[in-house]
N, C-alpha and C. Protein backbone atom coordinates (compact mmCIF):
# COMPACT_ATOMS: atom_id res chain seq x y z
N UNK A 1 -12.17 17.72 -33.56
CA UNK A 1 -12.64 16.35 -33.52
C UNK A 1 -11.53 15.40 -34.00
N UNK A 2 -10.96 15.70 -35.16
CA UNK A 2 -9.90 14.85 -35.71
C UNK A 2 -8.68 14.86 -34.79
N UNK A 3 -8.35 16.06 -34.25
CA UNK A 3 -7.18 16.18 -33.38
C UNK A 3 -7.36 15.30 -32.14
N UNK A 4 -8.56 15.30 -31.57
CA UNK A 4 -8.84 14.51 -30.36
C UNK A 4 -8.70 13.02 -30.65
N UNK A 5 -9.24 12.57 -31.79
CA UNK A 5 -9.15 11.16 -32.17
C UNK A 5 -7.69 10.77 -32.41
N UNK A 6 -6.96 11.63 -33.11
CA UNK A 6 -5.55 11.35 -33.40
C UNK A 6 -4.75 11.30 -32.11
N UNK A 7 -5.05 12.20 -31.18
CA UNK A 7 -4.34 12.22 -29.90
C UNK A 7 -4.59 10.92 -29.13
N UNK A 8 -5.84 10.45 -29.12
CA UNK A 8 -6.15 9.19 -28.45
C UNK A 8 -5.41 8.03 -29.10
N UNK A 9 -5.40 8.02 -30.43
CA UNK A 9 -4.69 6.97 -31.15
C UNK A 9 -3.21 6.97 -30.79
N UNK A 10 -2.60 8.15 -30.76
CA UNK A 10 -1.18 8.23 -30.45
C UNK A 10 -0.89 7.78 -29.02
N UNK A 11 -1.76 8.14 -28.08
CA UNK A 11 -1.55 7.72 -26.69
C UNK A 11 -1.66 6.20 -26.59
N UNK A 12 -2.63 5.61 -27.27
CA UNK A 12 -2.75 4.15 -27.27
C UNK A 12 -1.55 3.50 -27.93
N UNK A 13 -1.08 4.08 -29.04
CA UNK A 13 0.09 3.54 -29.73
C UNK A 13 1.32 3.61 -28.82
N UNK A 14 1.46 4.71 -28.10
CA UNK A 14 2.59 4.88 -27.19
C UNK A 14 2.52 3.83 -26.08
N UNK A 15 1.33 3.66 -25.52
CA UNK A 15 1.18 2.67 -24.46
C UNK A 15 1.54 1.28 -24.97
N UNK A 16 1.13 0.96 -26.19
CA UNK A 16 1.46 -0.34 -26.77
C UNK A 16 2.96 -0.50 -26.96
N UNK A 17 3.59 0.54 -27.52
CA UNK A 17 5.03 0.48 -27.77
C UNK A 17 5.81 0.36 -26.46
N UNK A 18 5.36 1.08 -25.42
CA UNK A 18 6.05 1.02 -24.13
C UNK A 18 5.80 -0.31 -23.42
N UNK A 19 4.66 -0.92 -23.67
CA UNK A 19 4.30 -2.15 -22.97
C UNK A 19 4.98 -3.38 -23.56
N UNK A 20 5.13 -3.44 -24.87
CA UNK A 20 5.66 -4.64 -25.51
C UNK A 20 7.00 -5.11 -24.95
N UNK A 21 7.98 -4.23 -24.76
CA UNK A 21 9.26 -4.72 -24.22
C UNK A 21 9.13 -5.28 -22.80
N UNK A 22 8.18 -4.78 -22.03
CA UNK A 22 8.03 -5.25 -20.65
C UNK A 22 7.62 -6.71 -20.62
N UNK A 23 6.83 -7.15 -21.60
CA UNK A 23 6.37 -8.53 -21.60
C UNK A 23 7.32 -9.46 -22.32
N UNK A 24 8.35 -8.92 -22.95
CA UNK A 24 9.32 -9.75 -23.64
C UNK A 24 10.41 -10.25 -22.69
N UNK A 25 10.47 -9.72 -21.49
CA UNK A 25 11.50 -10.12 -20.54
C UNK A 25 11.20 -11.49 -19.96
N UNK A 26 12.26 -12.21 -19.61
CA UNK A 26 12.11 -13.50 -18.97
C UNK A 26 12.53 -13.33 -17.52
N UNK A 27 11.77 -13.89 -16.60
CA UNK A 27 12.15 -13.82 -15.20
C UNK A 27 11.01 -13.33 -14.33
N UNK A 28 11.33 -13.17 -13.08
CA UNK A 28 10.32 -12.83 -12.07
C UNK A 28 9.91 -11.36 -12.13
N UNK A 29 10.85 -10.46 -12.35
CA UNK A 29 10.57 -9.03 -12.31
C UNK A 29 10.48 -8.43 -13.71
N UNK A 30 9.60 -7.47 -13.86
CA UNK A 30 9.45 -6.73 -15.12
C UNK A 30 9.76 -5.26 -14.84
N UNK A 31 10.54 -4.66 -15.71
CA UNK A 31 10.84 -3.24 -15.64
C UNK A 31 9.91 -2.55 -16.64
N UNK A 32 8.98 -1.75 -16.14
CA UNK A 32 7.95 -1.18 -16.98
C UNK A 32 8.17 0.32 -17.12
N UNK A 33 8.31 0.77 -18.34
CA UNK A 33 8.52 2.20 -18.62
C UNK A 33 7.19 2.94 -18.45
N UNK A 34 7.26 4.14 -17.92
CA UNK A 34 6.08 4.99 -17.76
C UNK A 34 6.38 6.36 -18.37
N UNK A 35 5.35 7.18 -18.50
CA UNK A 35 5.49 8.49 -19.14
C UNK A 35 6.00 9.58 -18.19
N UNK A 36 6.33 9.22 -16.98
CA UNK A 36 6.82 10.21 -16.02
C UNK A 36 8.34 10.24 -16.05
N UNK A 37 8.93 11.40 -16.31
CA UNK A 37 10.39 11.48 -16.40
C UNK A 37 11.06 11.08 -15.09
N UNK A 38 12.07 10.22 -15.19
CA UNK A 38 12.83 9.80 -14.02
C UNK A 38 12.21 8.64 -13.26
N UNK A 39 11.08 8.12 -13.76
CA UNK A 39 10.39 7.03 -13.07
C UNK A 39 10.29 5.79 -13.95
N UNK A 40 10.23 4.65 -13.30
CA UNK A 40 9.92 3.37 -13.92
C UNK A 40 9.18 2.55 -12.88
N UNK A 41 8.51 1.50 -13.31
CA UNK A 41 7.82 0.62 -12.37
C UNK A 41 8.51 -0.73 -12.36
N UNK A 42 8.60 -1.32 -11.18
CA UNK A 42 9.14 -2.67 -11.02
C UNK A 42 7.98 -3.55 -10.61
N UNK A 43 7.72 -4.59 -11.41
CA UNK A 43 6.58 -5.46 -11.17
C UNK A 43 7.06 -6.88 -10.89
N UNK A 44 6.61 -7.44 -9.78
CA UNK A 44 6.95 -8.80 -9.38
C UNK A 44 5.85 -9.73 -9.88
N UNK A 45 6.16 -10.58 -10.87
CA UNK A 45 5.14 -11.44 -11.47
C UNK A 45 4.75 -12.61 -10.57
N UNK A 46 5.51 -12.85 -9.50
CA UNK A 46 5.20 -13.95 -8.59
C UNK A 46 4.27 -13.50 -7.46
N UNK A 47 4.47 -12.29 -6.95
CA UNK A 47 3.67 -11.83 -5.81
C UNK A 47 2.68 -10.72 -6.16
N UNK A 48 2.82 -10.10 -7.33
CA UNK A 48 1.94 -9.01 -7.73
C UNK A 48 2.34 -7.66 -7.18
N UNK A 49 3.46 -7.59 -6.46
CA UNK A 49 3.89 -6.31 -5.88
C UNK A 49 4.33 -5.35 -6.99
N UNK A 50 3.90 -4.11 -6.87
CA UNK A 50 4.24 -3.07 -7.84
C UNK A 50 4.95 -1.94 -7.10
N UNK A 51 6.14 -1.60 -7.60
CA UNK A 51 6.98 -0.60 -6.94
C UNK A 51 7.36 0.48 -7.94
N UNK A 52 7.25 1.75 -7.52
CA UNK A 52 7.72 2.86 -8.33
C UNK A 52 9.19 3.08 -8.02
N UNK A 53 9.99 3.19 -9.06
CA UNK A 53 11.43 3.43 -8.90
C UNK A 53 11.71 4.81 -9.47
N UNK A 54 12.35 5.67 -8.66
CA UNK A 54 12.64 7.04 -9.08
C UNK A 54 14.14 7.29 -9.02
N UNK A 55 14.67 7.80 -10.13
CA UNK A 55 16.09 8.15 -10.21
C UNK A 55 16.20 9.67 -10.11
N UNK A 56 16.96 10.14 -9.13
CA UNK A 56 17.10 11.58 -8.94
C UNK A 56 18.53 11.86 -8.46
N UNK A 57 19.27 12.64 -9.24
CA UNK A 57 20.65 13.01 -8.87
C UNK A 57 21.49 11.77 -8.52
N UNK A 58 21.47 10.78 -9.40
CA UNK A 58 22.23 9.54 -9.23
C UNK A 58 21.84 8.76 -7.98
N UNK A 59 20.66 9.03 -7.44
CA UNK A 59 20.16 8.26 -6.30
C UNK A 59 18.91 7.51 -6.74
N UNK A 60 18.70 6.37 -6.12
CA UNK A 60 17.57 5.52 -6.44
C UNK A 60 16.61 5.49 -5.25
N UNK A 61 15.34 5.78 -5.51
CA UNK A 61 14.32 5.73 -4.47
C UNK A 61 13.23 4.76 -4.93
N UNK A 62 12.73 3.94 -4.00
CA UNK A 62 11.66 3.01 -4.32
C UNK A 62 10.47 3.25 -3.40
N UNK A 63 9.28 3.17 -3.98
CA UNK A 63 8.04 3.35 -3.23
C UNK A 63 7.09 2.22 -3.63
N UNK A 64 6.64 1.44 -2.66
CA UNK A 64 5.71 0.36 -2.95
C UNK A 64 4.35 0.96 -3.22
N UNK A 65 3.81 0.69 -4.41
CA UNK A 65 2.50 1.19 -4.80
C UNK A 65 1.42 0.19 -4.42
N UNK A 66 1.70 -1.09 -4.68
CA UNK A 66 0.76 -2.16 -4.37
C UNK A 66 1.53 -3.25 -3.63
N UNK A 67 1.10 -3.54 -2.41
CA UNK A 67 1.77 -4.57 -1.62
C UNK A 67 1.51 -5.95 -2.20
N UNK A 68 2.27 -6.90 -1.74
CA UNK A 68 2.18 -8.28 -2.25
C UNK A 68 0.75 -8.79 -2.17
N UNK A 69 0.28 -9.35 -3.28
CA UNK A 69 -1.04 -9.98 -3.31
C UNK A 69 -0.93 -11.45 -2.91
N UNK A 70 0.26 -12.01 -3.10
CA UNK A 70 0.53 -13.41 -2.76
C UNK A 70 1.90 -13.47 -2.09
N UNK A 71 2.06 -14.39 -1.18
CA UNK A 71 3.35 -14.53 -0.50
C UNK A 71 4.09 -15.79 -0.95
N UNK A 72 3.71 -16.31 -2.13
CA UNK A 72 4.36 -17.49 -2.69
C UNK A 72 5.23 -17.08 -3.87
N UNK A 73 6.54 -16.88 -3.64
CA UNK A 73 7.43 -16.41 -4.72
C UNK A 73 7.76 -17.48 -5.75
N UNK A 74 7.26 -18.71 -5.58
CA UNK A 74 7.61 -19.76 -6.52
C UNK A 74 6.77 -19.73 -7.80
N UNK A 75 5.66 -19.01 -7.80
CA UNK A 75 4.77 -18.98 -8.97
C UNK A 75 5.11 -17.80 -9.88
N UNK A 76 6.27 -17.84 -10.50
CA UNK A 76 6.69 -16.78 -11.41
C UNK A 76 5.74 -16.73 -12.60
N UNK A 77 5.24 -15.54 -12.89
CA UNK A 77 4.31 -15.37 -14.00
C UNK A 77 2.85 -15.46 -13.58
N UNK A 78 2.59 -15.62 -12.29
CA UNK A 78 1.21 -15.71 -11.83
C UNK A 78 0.45 -14.42 -12.11
N UNK A 79 1.11 -13.29 -11.92
CA UNK A 79 0.45 -12.00 -12.11
C UNK A 79 0.92 -11.35 -13.41
N UNK A 80 -0.03 -10.70 -14.07
CA UNK A 80 0.27 -9.98 -15.31
C UNK A 80 -0.06 -8.50 -15.13
N UNK A 81 0.78 -7.67 -15.72
CA UNK A 81 0.61 -6.21 -15.65
C UNK A 81 -0.12 -5.74 -16.91
N UNK A 82 -1.12 -4.91 -16.73
CA UNK A 82 -1.87 -4.37 -17.87
C UNK A 82 -2.07 -2.87 -17.70
N UNK A 83 -1.85 -2.14 -18.79
CA UNK A 83 -2.10 -0.71 -18.78
C UNK A 83 -3.57 -0.45 -19.09
N UNK A 84 -4.07 0.64 -18.57
CA UNK A 84 -5.43 1.06 -18.87
C UNK A 84 -5.36 2.30 -19.76
N UNK A 85 -6.49 2.77 -20.21
CA UNK A 85 -6.52 3.93 -21.11
C UNK A 85 -5.96 5.19 -20.47
N UNK A 86 -6.30 5.42 -19.23
CA UNK A 86 -5.85 6.64 -18.55
C UNK A 86 -4.40 6.49 -18.09
N UNK A 87 -3.64 7.52 -18.29
CA UNK A 87 -2.25 7.53 -17.82
C UNK A 87 -2.26 7.44 -16.30
N UNK A 88 -1.47 6.52 -15.76
CA UNK A 88 -1.38 6.36 -14.31
C UNK A 88 -2.35 5.34 -13.74
N UNK A 89 -3.11 4.64 -14.60
CA UNK A 89 -4.04 3.61 -14.14
C UNK A 89 -3.61 2.28 -14.75
N UNK A 90 -3.49 1.28 -13.89
CA UNK A 90 -2.99 -0.02 -14.31
C UNK A 90 -3.86 -1.12 -13.70
N UNK A 91 -3.79 -2.32 -14.25
CA UNK A 91 -4.46 -3.47 -13.67
C UNK A 91 -3.46 -4.60 -13.49
N UNK A 92 -3.61 -5.31 -12.40
CA UNK A 92 -2.84 -6.50 -12.13
C UNK A 92 -3.82 -7.67 -12.25
N UNK A 93 -3.51 -8.62 -13.12
CA UNK A 93 -4.38 -9.76 -13.35
C UNK A 93 -3.76 -11.00 -12.72
N UNK A 94 -4.54 -11.67 -11.89
CA UNK A 94 -4.10 -12.91 -11.24
C UNK A 94 -4.52 -14.06 -12.14
N UNK A 95 -3.56 -14.74 -12.76
CA UNK A 95 -3.86 -15.81 -13.70
C UNK A 95 -4.35 -17.08 -13.01
N UNK A 96 -4.21 -17.17 -11.69
CA UNK A 96 -4.68 -18.34 -10.94
C UNK A 96 -6.16 -18.18 -10.58
N UNK A 97 -6.52 -17.02 -10.02
CA UNK A 97 -7.90 -16.81 -9.56
C UNK A 97 -8.77 -16.09 -10.59
N UNK A 98 -8.13 -15.42 -11.57
CA UNK A 98 -8.89 -14.66 -12.56
C UNK A 98 -9.33 -13.29 -12.07
N UNK A 99 -8.81 -12.85 -10.94
CA UNK A 99 -9.21 -11.57 -10.37
C UNK A 99 -8.32 -10.44 -10.89
N UNK A 100 -8.93 -9.25 -10.98
CA UNK A 100 -8.22 -8.04 -11.38
C UNK A 100 -8.08 -7.13 -10.17
N UNK A 101 -6.94 -6.46 -10.07
CA UNK A 101 -6.73 -5.43 -9.07
C UNK A 101 -6.36 -4.15 -9.81
N UNK A 102 -7.15 -3.10 -9.63
CA UNK A 102 -6.88 -1.84 -10.31
C UNK A 102 -6.00 -0.97 -9.42
N UNK A 103 -4.99 -0.37 -10.03
CA UNK A 103 -4.03 0.48 -9.31
C UNK A 103 -3.99 1.83 -9.99
N UNK A 104 -4.14 2.89 -9.21
CA UNK A 104 -3.99 4.26 -9.73
C UNK A 104 -2.79 4.87 -9.03
N UNK A 105 -1.89 5.42 -9.84
CA UNK A 105 -0.67 6.00 -9.26
C UNK A 105 -0.17 7.13 -10.14
N UNK A 106 0.17 8.23 -9.49
CA UNK A 106 0.88 9.33 -10.14
C UNK A 106 1.93 9.80 -9.15
N UNK A 107 3.15 9.97 -9.61
CA UNK A 107 4.21 10.39 -8.68
C UNK A 107 4.00 11.83 -8.21
N UNK A 108 4.50 12.11 -7.03
CA UNK A 108 4.44 13.45 -6.46
C UNK A 108 5.85 14.03 -6.38
N UNK A 109 5.97 15.33 -6.63
CA UNK A 109 7.28 15.97 -6.50
C UNK A 109 7.55 16.29 -5.03
N UNK A 110 8.65 16.98 -4.75
CA UNK A 110 9.06 17.27 -3.37
C UNK A 110 8.05 18.16 -2.65
N UNK A 111 7.24 18.91 -3.42
CA UNK A 111 6.24 19.80 -2.82
C UNK A 111 4.87 19.13 -2.71
N UNK A 112 4.79 17.86 -3.08
CA UNK A 112 3.53 17.14 -2.98
C UNK A 112 2.61 17.32 -4.18
N UNK A 113 3.09 17.97 -5.25
CA UNK A 113 2.28 18.15 -6.45
C UNK A 113 2.53 16.97 -7.39
N UNK A 114 1.47 16.63 -8.16
CA UNK A 114 1.60 15.53 -9.12
C UNK A 114 2.60 15.88 -10.21
N UNK A 115 3.44 14.93 -10.56
CA UNK A 115 4.39 15.09 -11.66
C UNK A 115 3.61 14.91 -12.95
N UNK A 116 3.80 15.80 -13.89
CA UNK A 116 3.09 15.71 -15.18
C UNK A 116 3.74 14.65 -16.05
N UNK A 117 2.90 13.89 -16.74
CA UNK A 117 3.39 12.89 -17.70
C UNK A 117 3.99 13.61 -18.89
N UNK A 118 5.09 13.07 -19.38
CA UNK A 118 5.80 13.67 -20.52
C UNK A 118 5.24 13.09 -21.82
N UNK A 119 3.99 13.45 -22.10
CA UNK A 119 3.30 12.89 -23.27
C UNK A 119 3.90 13.42 -24.57
N UNK A 120 4.32 14.69 -24.59
CA UNK A 120 4.88 15.26 -25.82
C UNK A 120 6.11 14.49 -26.29
N UNK A 121 7.02 14.20 -25.37
CA UNK A 121 8.22 13.44 -25.73
C UNK A 121 7.84 12.03 -26.15
N UNK A 122 6.90 11.42 -25.45
CA UNK A 122 6.48 10.07 -25.80
C UNK A 122 5.84 10.04 -27.18
N UNK A 123 5.03 11.05 -27.49
CA UNK A 123 4.40 11.11 -28.82
C UNK A 123 5.47 11.29 -29.89
N UNK A 124 6.42 12.18 -29.64
CA UNK A 124 7.50 12.40 -30.60
C UNK A 124 8.29 11.11 -30.84
N UNK A 125 8.64 10.40 -29.76
CA UNK A 125 9.38 9.14 -29.89
C UNK A 125 8.56 8.10 -30.64
N UNK A 126 7.27 8.02 -30.33
CA UNK A 126 6.42 7.04 -31.01
C UNK A 126 6.29 7.35 -32.49
N UNK A 127 6.17 8.63 -32.82
CA UNK A 127 6.08 9.03 -34.22
C UNK A 127 7.37 8.69 -34.96
N UNK A 128 8.51 8.93 -34.33
CA UNK A 128 9.79 8.59 -34.95
C UNK A 128 9.91 7.08 -35.17
N UNK A 129 9.48 6.28 -34.18
CA UNK A 129 9.52 4.83 -34.34
C UNK A 129 8.62 4.39 -35.49
N UNK A 130 7.42 5.00 -35.55
CA UNK A 130 6.49 4.65 -36.63
C UNK A 130 7.06 5.02 -37.99
N UNK A 131 7.74 6.17 -38.08
CA UNK A 131 8.36 6.58 -39.34
C UNK A 131 9.41 5.57 -39.78
N UNK A 132 10.22 5.09 -38.83
CA UNK A 132 11.25 4.10 -39.15
C UNK A 132 10.61 2.80 -39.64
N UNK A 133 9.53 2.38 -38.96
CA UNK A 133 8.84 1.16 -39.35
C UNK A 133 8.26 1.32 -40.76
N UNK A 134 7.61 2.46 -41.01
CA UNK A 134 7.04 2.71 -42.34
C UNK A 134 8.12 2.75 -43.41
N UNK A 135 9.25 3.37 -43.11
CA UNK A 135 10.36 3.44 -44.06
C UNK A 135 10.84 2.03 -44.39
N UNK A 136 10.96 1.19 -43.37
CA UNK A 136 11.38 -0.19 -43.59
C UNK A 136 10.39 -0.95 -44.45
N UNK A 137 9.10 -0.73 -44.20
CA UNK A 137 8.07 -1.39 -45.00
C UNK A 137 8.09 -0.89 -46.44
N UNK A 138 8.29 0.41 -46.62
CA UNK A 138 8.37 0.97 -47.98
C UNK A 138 9.57 0.38 -48.73
N UNK A 139 10.70 0.26 -48.05
CA UNK A 139 11.89 -0.32 -48.67
C UNK A 139 11.64 -1.78 -49.07
N UNK A 140 10.97 -2.55 -48.18
CA UNK A 140 10.64 -3.94 -48.51
C UNK A 140 9.72 -4.00 -49.72
N UNK A 141 8.73 -3.11 -49.75
CA UNK A 141 7.79 -3.09 -50.86
C UNK A 141 8.51 -2.76 -52.17
N UNK A 142 9.43 -1.78 -52.13
CA UNK A 142 10.20 -1.42 -53.32
C UNK A 142 11.04 -2.60 -53.81
N UNK A 143 11.70 -3.31 -52.87
CA UNK A 143 12.51 -4.46 -53.25
C UNK A 143 11.64 -5.57 -53.84
N UNK A 144 10.48 -5.77 -53.25
CA UNK A 144 9.56 -6.81 -53.74
C UNK A 144 9.07 -6.47 -55.14
N UNK A 145 8.75 -5.19 -55.35
CA UNK A 145 8.27 -4.79 -56.67
C UNK A 145 9.38 -4.94 -57.71
N UNK A 146 10.61 -4.63 -57.36
CA UNK A 146 11.73 -4.78 -58.30
C UNK A 146 11.97 -6.25 -58.61
N UNK A 147 11.87 -7.10 -57.58
CA UNK A 147 12.11 -8.54 -57.75
C UNK A 147 11.03 -9.19 -58.60
N UNK A 148 9.82 -8.67 -58.55
CA UNK A 148 8.72 -9.31 -59.28
C UNK A 148 8.43 -8.65 -60.61
N UNK A 149 9.19 -7.61 -60.97
CA UNK A 149 8.94 -6.97 -62.27
C UNK A 149 9.36 -7.90 -63.41
N UNK A 150 8.58 -7.92 -64.43
CA UNK A 150 8.81 -8.82 -65.57
C UNK A 150 9.40 -8.01 -66.71
N UNK A 151 10.48 -8.49 -67.27
CA UNK A 151 11.11 -7.83 -68.41
C UNK A 151 10.57 -8.50 -69.68
N UNK A 152 10.05 -7.67 -70.60
CA UNK A 152 9.46 -8.23 -71.82
C UNK A 152 10.41 -8.02 -72.99
């Protein structure tokens, strides 16, 4: 029971950590990290188009997952990318109409089998990031306690 809850928490934490940098970018396109090795998503905030980008043997392959929802490229930021709880499920939110478009995608290998998400590596990376954050907070707390100690 505890393991299942902790696993869900870690997956949500990973999704949050992976999502934050995507929304910090300025411009029309967002590069969105995913849990599939060798893959990333390219999201067009003006048209809503979502493309899977695959790097294999120094070659770049692109596959359109969701075609353009709008053909007006002047409205940069019209569409927002949102992750869902399940790995491989995403939502595109249209900030003009308020409509959601749900997208399900999992990459396929050369034999047509689904590529497994690299959750173990993502969990390990998230745990390491959390440890660094906690260490930084502990150091700040120690400095604060030293600064506020009163000598009698």
